[in-house]
Amino acid sequence: REFIAAFKWPGGNILYADSVKGRFTMSRESADNTVYLQMNNLK
């Protein structure tokens, strides 16, 4: 199992694995209690 991205609260900065940095973006949408992972330029 491979790490991709994570954040900690309190704190809030997002940690990314080097393999996905610049391509994947993690975000949180508090309005619908959902965490997202946007994956661009998939390989």
ModelCIF file with pLDDT and N, C-alpha, C, O atoms, coordinates in Angstrom:
data_MODEL
#
_entry.id   MODEL 
#
_entity.id                         1 
_entity.type                       polymer 
_entity.pdbx_number_of_molecules   1 
#
_entity_poly.entity_id                      1 
_entity_poly.type                           'polypeptide(L)' 
_entity_poly.nstd_linkage                   no 
_entity_poly.nstd_monomer                   no 
_entity_poly.pdbx_seq_one_letter_code       REFIAAFKWPGGNILYADSVKGRFTMSRESADNTVYLQMNNLK 
_entity_poly.pdbx_seq_one_letter_code_can   REFIAAFKWPGGNILYADSVKGRFTMSRESADNTVYLQMNNLK 
_entity_poly.pdbx_strand_id                 A 
#
loop_
_entity_poly_seq.entity_id 
_entity_poly_seq.num 
_entity_poly_seq.mon_id 
_entity_poly_seq.hetero 
1 1  ARG n 
1 2  GLU n 
1 3  PHE n 
1 4  ILE n 
1 5  ALA n 
1 6  ALA n 
1 7  PHE n 
1 8  LYS n 
1 9  TRP n 
1 10 PRO n 
1 11 GLY n 
1 12 GLY n 
1 13 ASN n 
1 14 ILE n 
1 15 LEU n 
1 16 TYR n 
1 17 ALA n 
1 18 ASP n 
1 19 SER n 
1 20 VAL n 
1 21 LYS n 
1 22 GLY n 
1 23 ARG n 
1 24 PHE n 
1 25 THR n 
1 26 MET n 
1 27 SER n 
1 28 ARG n 
1 29 GLU n 
1 30 SER n 
1 31 ALA n 
1 32 ASP n 
1 33 ASN n 
1 34 THR n 
1 35 VAL n 
1 36 TYR n 
1 37 LEU n 
1 38 GLN n 
1 39 MET n 
1 40 ASN n 
1 41 ASN n 
1 42 LEU n 
1 43 LYS n 
#
_struct_asym.id          A 
_struct_asym.entity_id   1 
#
loop_
_ma_qa_metric.id 
_ma_qa_metric.mode 
_ma_qa_metric.name 
_ma_qa_metric.software_group_id 
_ma_qa_metric.type 
1 global pLDDT . pLDDT 
2 local  pLDDT . pLDDT 
#
_ma_qa_metric_global.metric_id      1 
_ma_qa_metric_global.metric_value   91.86 
_ma_qa_metric_global.model_id       1 
_ma_qa_metric_global.ordinal_id     1 
#
loop_
_ma_qa_metric_local.label_asym_id 
_ma_qa_metric_local.label_comp_id 
_ma_qa_metric_local.label_seq_id 
_ma_qa_metric_local.metric_id 
_ma_qa_metric_local.metric_value 
_ma_qa_metric_local.model_id 
_ma_qa_metric_local.ordinal_id 
A ARG 1  2 96.00 1 1  
A GLU 2  2 97.00 1 2  
A PHE 3  2 98.00 1 3  
A ILE 4  2 98.00 1 4  
A ALA 5  2 98.00 1 5  
A ALA 6  2 97.00 1 6  
A PHE 7  2 93.00 1 7  
A LYS 8  2 90.00 1 8  
A TRP 9  2 84.00 1 9  
A PRO 10 2 81.00 1 10 
A GLY 11 2 77.00 1 11 
A GLY 12 2 74.00 1 12 
A ASN 13 2 89.00 1 13 
A ILE 14 2 95.00 1 14 
A LEU 15 2 96.00 1 15 
A TYR 16 2 97.00 1 16 
A ALA 17 2 97.00 1 17 
A ASP 18 2 96.00 1 18 
A SER 19 2 94.00 1 19 
A VAL 20 2 96.00 1 20 
A LYS 21 2 96.00 1 21 
A GLY 22 2 97.00 1 22 
A ARG 23 2 98.00 1 23 
A PHE 24 2 98.00 1 24 
A THR 25 2 98.00 1 25 
A MET 26 2 96.00 1 26 
A SER 27 2 94.00 1 27 
A ARG 28 2 86.00 1 28 
A GLU 29 2 80.00 1 29 
A SER 30 2 70.00 1 30 
A ALA 31 2 74.00 1 31 
A ASP 32 2 75.00 1 32 
A ASN 33 2 81.00 1 33 
A THR 34 2 90.00 1 34 
A VAL 35 2 93.00 1 35 
A TYR 36 2 96.00 1 36 
A LEU 37 2 98.00 1 37 
A GLN 38 2 98.00 1 38 
A MET 39 2 98.00 1 39 
A ASN 40 2 98.00 1 40 
A ASN 41 2 98.00 1 41 
A LEU 42 2 98.00 1 42 
A LYS 43 2 97.00 1 43 
#
loop_
_atom_site.group_PDB 
_atom_site.id 
_atom_site.type_symbol 
_atom_site.label_atom_id 
_atom_site.label_alt_id 
_atom_site.label_comp_id 
_atom_site.label_asym_id 
_atom_site.label_entity_id 
_atom_site.label_seq_id 
_atom_site.pdbx_PDB_ins_code 
_atom_site.Cartn_x 
_atom_site.Cartn_y 
_atom_site.Cartn_z 
_atom_site.occupancy 
_atom_site.B_iso_or_equiv 
_atom_site.pdbx_formal_charge 
_atom_site.auth_seq_id 
_atom_site.auth_comp_id 
_atom_site.auth_asym_id 
_atom_site.auth_atom_id 
_atom_site.pdbx_PDB_model_num 
ATOM 1   N N  . ARG A 1 1  ? 0.844   -1.180 0.000   1.00 96.00 ? 1  ARG A N  1 
ATOM 2   C CA . ARG A 1 1  ? 0.000   0.000  0.000   1.00 96.00 ? 1  ARG A CA 1 
ATOM 3   C C  . ARG A 1 1  ? 0.890   1.245  0.000   1.00 96.00 ? 1  ARG A C  1 
ATOM 4   O O  . ARG A 1 1  ? 1.811   1.368  0.808   1.00 96.00 ? 1  ARG A O  1 
ATOM 5   N N  . GLU A 1 2  ? 0.599   2.150  -0.913  1.00 97.00 ? 2  GLU A N  1 
ATOM 6   C CA . GLU A 1 2  ? 1.448   3.297  -1.164  1.00 97.00 ? 2  GLU A CA 1 
ATOM 7   C C  . GLU A 1 2  ? 0.769   4.594  -0.741  1.00 97.00 ? 2  GLU A C  1 
ATOM 8   O O  . GLU A 1 2  ? -0.398  4.830  -1.052  1.00 97.00 ? 2  GLU A O  1 
ATOM 9   N N  . PHE A 1 3  ? 1.504   5.411  -0.044  1.00 98.00 ? 3  PHE A N  1 
ATOM 10  C CA . PHE A 1 3  ? 1.001   6.717  0.361   1.00 98.00 ? 3  PHE A CA 1 
ATOM 11  C C  . PHE A 1 3  ? 0.877   7.647  -0.833  1.00 98.00 ? 3  PHE A C  1 
ATOM 12  O O  . PHE A 1 3  ? 1.734   7.656  -1.717  1.00 98.00 ? 3  PHE A O  1 
ATOM 13  N N  . ILE A 1 4  ? -0.198  8.431  -0.854  1.00 98.00 ? 4  ILE A N  1 
ATOM 14  C CA . ILE A 1 4  ? -0.413  9.410  -1.915  1.00 98.00 ? 4  ILE A CA 1 
ATOM 15  C C  . ILE A 1 4  ? -0.402  10.831 -1.358  1.00 98.00 ? 4  ILE A C  1 
ATOM 16  O O  . ILE A 1 4  ? 0.412   11.660 -1.765  1.00 98.00 ? 4  ILE A O  1 
ATOM 17  N N  . ALA A 1 5  ? -1.304  11.102 -0.433  1.00 98.00 ? 5  ALA A N  1 
ATOM 18  C CA . ALA A 1 5  ? -1.439  12.446 0.109   1.00 98.00 ? 5  ALA A CA 1 
ATOM 19  C C  . ALA A 1 5  ? -2.191  12.388 1.426   1.00 98.00 ? 5  ALA A C  1 
ATOM 20  O O  . ALA A 1 5  ? -2.957  11.454 1.665   1.00 98.00 ? 5  ALA A O  1 
ATOM 21  N N  . ALA A 1 6  ? -1.978  13.375 2.278   1.00 97.00 ? 6  ALA A N  1 
ATOM 22  C CA . ALA A 1 6  ? -2.677  13.428 3.555   1.00 97.00 ? 6  ALA A CA 1 
ATOM 23  C C  . ALA A 1 6  ? -2.581  14.825 4.145   1.00 97.00 ? 6  ALA A C  1 
ATOM 24  O O  . ALA A 1 6  ? -1.691  15.605 3.806   1.00 97.00 ? 6  ALA A O  1 
ATOM 25  N N  . PHE A 1 7  ? -3.512  15.121 5.029   1.00 93.00 ? 7  PHE A N  1 
ATOM 26  C CA . PHE A 1 7  ? -3.417  16.335 5.822   1.00 93.00 ? 7  PHE A CA 1 
ATOM 27  C C  . PHE A 1 7  ? -3.836  16.038 7.245   1.00 93.00 ? 7  PHE A C  1 
ATOM 28  O O  . PHE A 1 7  ? -4.545  15.069 7.516   1.00 93.00 ? 7  PHE A O  1 
ATOM 29  N N  . LYS A 1 8  ? -3.389  16.882 8.137   1.00 90.00 ? 8  LYS A N  1 
ATOM 30  C CA . LYS A 1 8  ? -3.682  16.756 9.557   1.00 90.00 ? 8  LYS A CA 1 
ATOM 31  C C  . LYS A 1 8  ? -4.344  18.029 10.049  1.00 90.00 ? 8  LYS A C  1 
ATOM 32  O O  . LYS A 1 8  ? -3.969  19.133 9.656   1.00 90.00 ? 8  LYS A O  1 
ATOM 33  N N  . TRP A 1 9  ? -5.339  17.859 10.916  1.00 84.00 ? 9  TRP A N  1 
ATOM 34  C CA . TRP A 1 9  ? -6.018  19.005 11.494  1.00 84.00 ? 9  TRP A CA 1 
ATOM 35  C C  . TRP A 1 9  ? -6.066  18.873 12.994  1.00 84.00 ? 9  TRP A C  1 
ATOM 36  O O  . TRP A 1 9  ? -6.476  17.824 13.491  1.00 84.00 ? 9  TRP A O  1 
ATOM 37  N N  . PRO A 1 10 ? -5.665  19.891 13.746  1.00 81.00 ? 10 PRO A N  1 
ATOM 38  C CA . PRO A 1 10 ? -5.172  21.184 13.264  1.00 81.00 ? 10 PRO A CA 1 
ATOM 39  C C  . PRO A 1 10 ? -3.807  21.084 12.602  1.00 81.00 ? 10 PRO A C  1 
ATOM 40  O O  . PRO A 1 10 ? -3.038  20.153 12.839  1.00 81.00 ? 10 PRO A O  1 
ATOM 41  N N  . GLY A 1 11 ? -3.545  22.048 11.791  1.00 77.00 ? 11 GLY A N  1 
ATOM 42  C CA . GLY A 1 11 ? -2.360  22.092 10.957  1.00 77.00 ? 11 GLY A CA 1 
ATOM 43  C C  . GLY A 1 11 ? -2.799  22.495 9.570   1.00 77.00 ? 11 GLY A C  1 
ATOM 44  O O  . GLY A 1 11 ? -2.777  23.675 9.220   1.00 77.00 ? 11 GLY A O  1 
ATOM 45  N N  . GLY A 1 12 ? -3.201  21.509 8.774   1.00 74.00 ? 12 GLY A N  1 
ATOM 46  C CA . GLY A 1 12 ? -3.854  21.785 7.513   1.00 74.00 ? 12 GLY A CA 1 
ATOM 47  C C  . GLY A 1 12 ? -2.999  21.718 6.263   1.00 74.00 ? 12 GLY A C  1 
ATOM 48  O O  . GLY A 1 12 ? -3.536  21.663 5.156   1.00 74.00 ? 12 GLY A O  1 
ATOM 49  N N  . ASN A 1 13 ? -1.682  21.723 6.409   1.00 89.00 ? 13 ASN A N  1 
ATOM 50  C CA . ASN A 1 13 ? -0.863  21.600 5.211   1.00 89.00 ? 13 ASN A CA 1 
ATOM 51  C C  . ASN A 1 13 ? -0.939  20.178 4.682   1.00 89.00 ? 13 ASN A C  1 
ATOM 52  O O  . ASN A 1 13 ? -1.056  19.225 5.453   1.00 89.00 ? 13 ASN A O  1 
ATOM 53  N N  . ILE A 1 14 ? -0.873  20.037 3.369   1.00 95.00 ? 14 ILE A N  1 
ATOM 54  C CA . ILE A 1 14 ? -1.035  18.747 2.717   1.00 95.00 ? 14 ILE A CA 1 
ATOM 55  C C  . ILE A 1 14 ? 0.317   18.178 2.340   1.00 95.00 ? 14 ILE A C  1 
ATOM 56  O O  . ILE A 1 14 ? 1.153   18.864 1.751   1.00 95.00 ? 14 ILE A O  1 
ATOM 57  N N  . LEU A 1 15 ? 0.523   16.920 2.683   1.00 96.00 ? 15 LEU A N  1 
ATOM 58  C CA . LEU A 1 15 ? 1.734   16.200 2.327   1.00 96.00 ? 15 LEU A CA 1 
ATOM 59  C C  . LEU A 1 15 ? 1.454   15.326 1.114   1.00 96.00 ? 15 LEU A C  1 
ATOM 60  O O  . LEU A 1 15 ? 0.464   14.595 1.090   1.00 96.00 ? 15 LEU A O  1 
ATOM 61  N N  . TYR A 1 16 ? 2.317   15.397 0.107   1.00 97.00 ? 16 TYR A N  1 
ATOM 62  C CA . TYR A 1 16 ? 2.160   14.605 -1.108  1.00 97.00 ? 16 TYR A CA 1 
ATOM 63  C C  . TYR A 1 16 ? 3.361   13.697 -1.321  1.00 97.00 ? 16 TYR A C  1 
ATOM 64  O O  . TYR A 1 16 ? 4.498   14.052 -1.008  1.00 97.00 ? 16 TYR A O  1 
ATOM 65  N N  . ALA A 1 17 ? 3.084   12.525 -1.857  1.00 97.00 ? 17 ALA A N  1 
ATOM 66  C CA . ALA A 1 17 ? 4.168   11.659 -2.293  1.00 97.00 ? 17 ALA A CA 1 
ATOM 67  C C  . ALA A 1 17 ? 4.834   12.257 -3.526  1.00 97.00 ? 17 ALA A C  1 
ATOM 68  O O  . ALA A 1 17 ? 4.176   12.892 -4.350  1.00 97.00 ? 17 ALA A O  1 
ATOM 69  N N  . ASP A 1 18 ? 6.133   12.051 -3.646  1.00 96.00 ? 18 ASP A N  1 
ATOM 70  C CA . ASP A 1 18 ? 6.860   12.597 -4.790  1.00 96.00 ? 18 ASP A CA 1 
ATOM 71  C C  . ASP A 1 18 ? 6.307   12.087 -6.116  1.00 96.00 ? 18 ASP A C  1 
ATOM 72  O O  . ASP A 1 18 ? 6.355   12.798 -7.120  1.00 96.00 ? 18 ASP A O  1 
ATOM 73  N N  . SER A 1 19 ? 5.787   10.875 -6.131  1.00 94.00 ? 19 SER A N  1 
ATOM 74  C CA . SER A 1 19 ? 5.309   10.282 -7.364  1.00 94.00 ? 19 SER A CA 1 
ATOM 75  C C  . SER A 1 19 ? 4.078   10.967 -7.942  1.00 94.00 ? 19 SER A C  1 
ATOM 76  O O  . SER A 1 19 ? 3.789   10.825 -9.130  1.00 94.00 ? 19 SER A O  1 
ATOM 77  N N  . VAL A 1 20 ? 3.350   11.708 -7.110  1.00 96.00 ? 20 VAL A N  1 
ATOM 78  C CA . VAL A 1 20 ? 2.128   12.358 -7.572  1.00 96.00 ? 20 VAL A CA 1 
ATOM 79  C C  . VAL A 1 20 ? 2.175   13.872 -7.439  1.00 96.00 ? 20 VAL A C  1 
ATOM 80  O O  . VAL A 1 20 ? 1.260   14.557 -7.895  1.00 96.00 ? 20 VAL A O  1 
ATOM 81  N N  . LYS A 1 21 ? 3.203   14.397 -6.837  1.00 96.00 ? 21 LYS A N  1 
ATOM 82  C CA . LYS A 1 21 ? 3.306   15.832 -6.621  1.00 96.00 ? 21 LYS A CA 1 
ATOM 83  C C  . LYS A 1 21 ? 3.259   16.575 -7.957  1.00 96.00 ? 21 LYS A C  1 
ATOM 84  O O  . LYS A 1 21 ? 3.975   16.236 -8.899  1.00 96.00 ? 21 LYS A O  1 
ATOM 85  N N  . GLY A 1 22 ? 2.408   17.584 -8.014  1.00 97.00 ? 22 GLY A N  1 
ATOM 86  C CA . GLY A 1 22 ? 2.239   18.344 -9.239  1.00 97.00 ? 22 GLY A CA 1 
ATOM 87  C C  . GLY A 1 22 ? 1.165   17.803 -10.152 1.00 97.00 ? 22 GLY A C  1 
ATOM 88  O O  . GLY A 1 22 ? 0.738   18.498 -11.074 1.00 97.00 ? 22 GLY A O  1 
ATOM 89  N N  . ARG A 1 23 ? 0.714   16.575 -9.922  1.00 98.00 ? 23 ARG A N  1 
ATOM 90  C CA . ARG A 1 23 ? -0.348  15.977 -10.728 1.00 98.00 ? 23 ARG A CA 1 
ATOM 91  C C  . ARG A 1 23 ? -1.632  15.759 -9.932  1.00 98.00 ? 23 ARG A C  1 
ATOM 92  O O  . ARG A 1 23 ? -2.731  15.928 -10.460 1.00 98.00 ? 23 ARG A O  1 
ATOM 93  N N  . PHE A 1 24 ? -1.491  15.388 -8.673  1.00 98.00 ? 24 PHE A N  1 
ATOM 94  C CA . PHE A 1 24 ? -2.648  15.101 -7.824  1.00 98.00 ? 24 PHE A CA 1 
ATOM 95  C C  . PHE A 1 24 ? -2.835  16.232 -6.819  1.00 98.00 ? 24 PHE A C  1 
ATOM 96  O O  . PHE A 1 24 ? -1.864  16.809 -6.330  1.00 98.00 ? 24 PHE A O  1 
ATOM 97  N N  . THR A 1 25 ? -4.086  16.540 -6.517  1.00 98.00 ? 25 THR A N  1 
ATOM 98  C CA . THR A 1 25 ? -4.404  17.563 -5.540  1.00 98.00 ? 25 THR A CA 1 
ATOM 99  C C  . THR A 1 25 ? -5.479  17.049 -4.594  1.00 98.00 ? 25 THR A C  1 
ATOM 100 O O  . THR A 1 25 ? -6.546  16.616 -5.029  1.00 98.00 ? 25 THR A O  1 
ATOM 101 N N  . MET A 1 26 ? -5.192  17.098 -3.310  1.00 96.00 ? 26 MET A N  1 
ATOM 102 C CA . MET A 1 26 ? -6.152  16.703 -2.297  1.00 96.00 ? 26 MET A CA 1 
ATOM 103 C C  . MET A 1 26 ? -6.862  17.942 -1.780  1.00 96.00 ? 26 MET A C  1 
ATOM 104 O O  . MET A 1 26 ? -6.236  18.985 -1.591  1.00 96.00 ? 26 MET A O  1 
ATOM 105 N N  . SER A 1 27 ? -8.158  17.836 -1.552  1.00 94.00 ? 27 SER A N  1 
ATOM 106 C CA . SER A 1 27 ? -8.917  18.962 -1.053  1.00 94.00 ? 27 SER A CA 1 
ATOM 107 C C  . SER A 1 27 ? -10.048 18.472 -0.161  1.00 94.00 ? 27 SER A C  1 
ATOM 108 O O  . SER A 1 27 ? -10.420 17.299 -0.180  1.00 94.00 ? 27 SER A O  1 
ATOM 109 N N  . ARG A 1 28 ? -10.576 19.390 0.611   1.00 86.00 ? 28 ARG A N  1 
ATOM 110 C CA . ARG A 1 28 ? -11.672 19.094 1.519   1.00 86.00 ? 28 ARG A CA 1 
ATOM 111 C C  . ARG A 1 28 ? -12.829 20.025 1.221   1.00 86.00 ? 28 ARG A C  1 
ATOM 112 O O  . ARG A 1 28 ? -12.639 21.232 1.069   1.00 86.00 ? 28 ARG A O  1 
ATOM 113 N N  . GLU A 1 29 ? -14.024 19.468 1.137   1.00 80.00 ? 29 GLU A N  1 
ATOM 114 C CA . GLU A 1 29 ? -15.224 20.253 0.942   1.00 80.00 ? 29 GLU A CA 1 
ATOM 115 C C  . GLU A 1 29 ? -16.087 20.089 2.182   1.00 80.00 ? 29 GLU A C  1 
ATOM 116 O O  . GLU A 1 29 ? -16.774 19.081 2.346   1.00 80.00 ? 29 GLU A O  1 
ATOM 117 N N  . SER A 1 30 ? -16.045 21.075 3.042   1.00 70.00 ? 30 SER A N  1 
ATOM 118 C CA . SER A 1 30 ? -16.770 20.976 4.301   1.00 70.00 ? 30 SER A CA 1 
ATOM 119 C C  . SER A 1 30 ? -18.281 21.011 4.114   1.00 70.00 ? 30 SER A C  1 
ATOM 120 O O  . SER A 1 30 ? -19.020 20.492 4.951   1.00 70.00 ? 30 SER A O  1 
ATOM 121 N N  . ALA A 1 31 ? -18.745 21.616 3.027   1.00 74.00 ? 31 ALA A N  1 
ATOM 122 C CA . ALA A 1 31 ? -20.182 21.732 2.799   1.00 74.00 ? 31 ALA A CA 1 
ATOM 123 C C  . ALA A 1 31 ? -20.859 20.375 2.659   1.00 74.00 ? 31 ALA A C  1 
ATOM 124 O O  . ALA A 1 31 ? -22.001 20.206 3.087   1.00 74.00 ? 31 ALA A O  1 
ATOM 125 N N  . ASP A 1 32 ? -20.170 19.410 2.068   1.00 75.00 ? 32 ASP A N  1 
ATOM 126 C CA . ASP A 1 32 ? -20.764 18.077 1.896   1.00 75.00 ? 32 ASP A CA 1 
ATOM 127 C C  . ASP A 1 32 ? -19.970 16.988 2.610   1.00 75.00 ? 32 ASP A C  1 
ATOM 128 O O  . ASP A 1 32 ? -20.159 15.800 2.347   1.00 75.00 ? 32 ASP A O  1 
ATOM 129 N N  . ASN A 1 33 ? -19.085 17.395 3.512   1.00 81.00 ? 33 ASN A N  1 
ATOM 130 C CA . ASN A 1 33 ? -18.316 16.451 4.324   1.00 81.00 ? 33 ASN A CA 1 
ATOM 131 C C  . ASN A 1 33 ? -17.566 15.436 3.473   1.00 81.00 ? 33 ASN A C  1 
ATOM 132 O O  . ASN A 1 33 ? -17.577 14.236 3.750   1.00 81.00 ? 33 ASN A O  1 
ATOM 133 N N  . THR A 1 34 ? -16.922 15.938 2.442   1.00 90.00 ? 34 THR A N  1 
ATOM 134 C CA . THR A 1 34 ? -16.252 15.077 1.488   1.00 90.00 ? 34 THR A CA 1 
ATOM 135 C C  . THR A 1 34 ? -14.815 15.533 1.257   1.00 90.00 ? 34 THR A C  1 
ATOM 136 O O  . THR A 1 34 ? -14.530 16.728 1.182   1.00 90.00 ? 34 THR A O  1 
ATOM 137 N N  . VAL A 1 35 ? -13.931 14.569 1.147   1.00 93.00 ? 35 VAL A N  1 
ATOM 138 C CA . VAL A 1 35 ? -12.543 14.810 0.784   1.00 93.00 ? 35 VAL A CA 1 
ATOM 139 C C  . VAL A 1 35 ? -12.339 14.316 -0.642  1.00 93.00 ? 35 VAL A C  1 
ATOM 140 O O  . VAL A 1 35 ? -12.830 13.249 -1.010  1.00 93.00 ? 35 VAL A O  1 
ATOM 141 N N  . TYR A 1 36 ? -11.613 15.092 -1.447  1.00 96.00 ? 36 TYR A N  1 
ATOM 142 C CA . TYR A 1 36 ? -11.431 14.773 -2.854  1.00 96.00 ? 36 TYR A CA 1 
ATOM 143 C C  . TYR A 1 36 ? -9.965  14.557 -3.192  1.00 96.00 ? 36 TYR A C  1 
ATOM 144 O O  . TYR A 1 36 ? -9.064  15.047 -2.512  1.00 96.00 ? 36 TYR A O  1 
ATOM 145 N N  . LEU A 1 37 ? -9.760  13.814 -4.254  1.00 98.00 ? 37 LEU A N  1 
ATOM 146 C CA . LEU A 1 37 ? -8.444  13.687 -4.848  1.00 98.00 ? 37 LEU A CA 1 
ATOM 147 C C  . LEU A 1 37 ? -8.589  13.914 -6.345  1.00 98.00 ? 37 LEU A C  1 
ATOM 148 O O  . LEU A 1 37 ? -9.132  13.074 -7.062  1.00 98.00 ? 37 LEU A O  1 
ATOM 149 N N  . GLN A 1 38 ? -8.100  15.052 -6.806  1.00 98.00 ? 38 GLN A N  1 
ATOM 150 C CA . GLN A 1 38 ? -8.087  15.366 -8.228  1.00 98.00 ? 38 GLN A CA 1 
ATOM 151 C C  . GLN A 1 38 ? -6.814  14.803 -8.826  1.00 98.00 ? 38 GLN A C  1 
ATOM 152 O O  . GLN A 1 38 ? -5.716  15.134 -8.380  1.00 98.00 ? 38 GLN A O  1 
ATOM 153 N N  . MET A 1 39 ? -6.955  13.956 -9.831  1.00 98.00 ? 39 MET A N  1 
ATOM 154 C CA . MET A 1 39 ? -5.823  13.280 -10.440 1.00 98.00 ? 39 MET A CA 1 
ATOM 155 C C  . MET A 1 39 ? -5.728  13.705 -11.897 1.00 98.00 ? 39 MET A C  1 
ATOM 156 O O  . MET A 1 39 ? -6.604  13.391 -12.704 1.00 98.00 ? 39 MET A O  1 
ATOM 157 N N  . ASN A 1 40 ? -4.666  14.418 -12.227 1.00 98.00 ? 40 ASN A N  1 
ATOM 158 C CA . ASN A 1 40 ? -4.441  14.894 -13.581 1.00 98.00 ? 40 ASN A CA 1 
ATOM 159 C C  . ASN A 1 40 ? -3.261  14.178 -14.217 1.00 98.00 ? 40 ASN A C  1 
ATOM 160 O O  . ASN A 1 40 ? -2.394  13.637 -13.531 1.00 98.00 ? 40 ASN A O  1 
ATOM 161 N N  . ASN A 1 41 ? -3.249  14.186 -15.541 1.00 98.00 ? 41 ASN A N  1 
ATOM 162 C CA . ASN A 1 41 ? -2.162  13.568 -16.295 1.00 98.00 ? 41 ASN A CA 1 
ATOM 163 C C  . ASN A 1 41 ? -1.873  12.158 -15.796 1.00 98.00 ? 41 ASN A C  1 
ATOM 164 O O  . ASN A 1 41 ? -0.735  11.821 -15.466 1.00 98.00 ? 41 ASN A O  1 
ATOM 165 N N  . LEU A 1 42 ? -2.905  11.354 -15.746 1.00 98.00 ? 42 LEU A N  1 
ATOM 166 C CA . LEU A 1 42 ? -2.762  10.000 -15.229 1.00 98.00 ? 42 LEU A CA 1 
ATOM 167 C C  . LEU A 1 42 ? -1.856  9.152  -16.106 1.00 98.00 ? 42 LEU A C  1 
ATOM 168 O O  . LEU A 1 42 ? -1.816  9.307  -17.327 1.00 98.00 ? 42 LEU A O  1 
ATOM 169 N N  . LYS A 1 43 ? -1.133  8.256  -15.456 1.00 97.00 ? 43 LYS A N  1 
ATOM 170 C CA . LYS A 1 43 ? -0.194  7.372  -16.113 1.00 97.00 ? 43 LYS A CA 1 
ATOM 171 C C  . LYS A 1 43 ? -0.581  5.929  -15.836 1.00 97.00 ? 43 LYS A C  1 
ATOM 172 O O  . LYS A 1 43 ? 0.089   5.009  -16.305 1.00 97.00 ? 43 LYS A O  1 
#
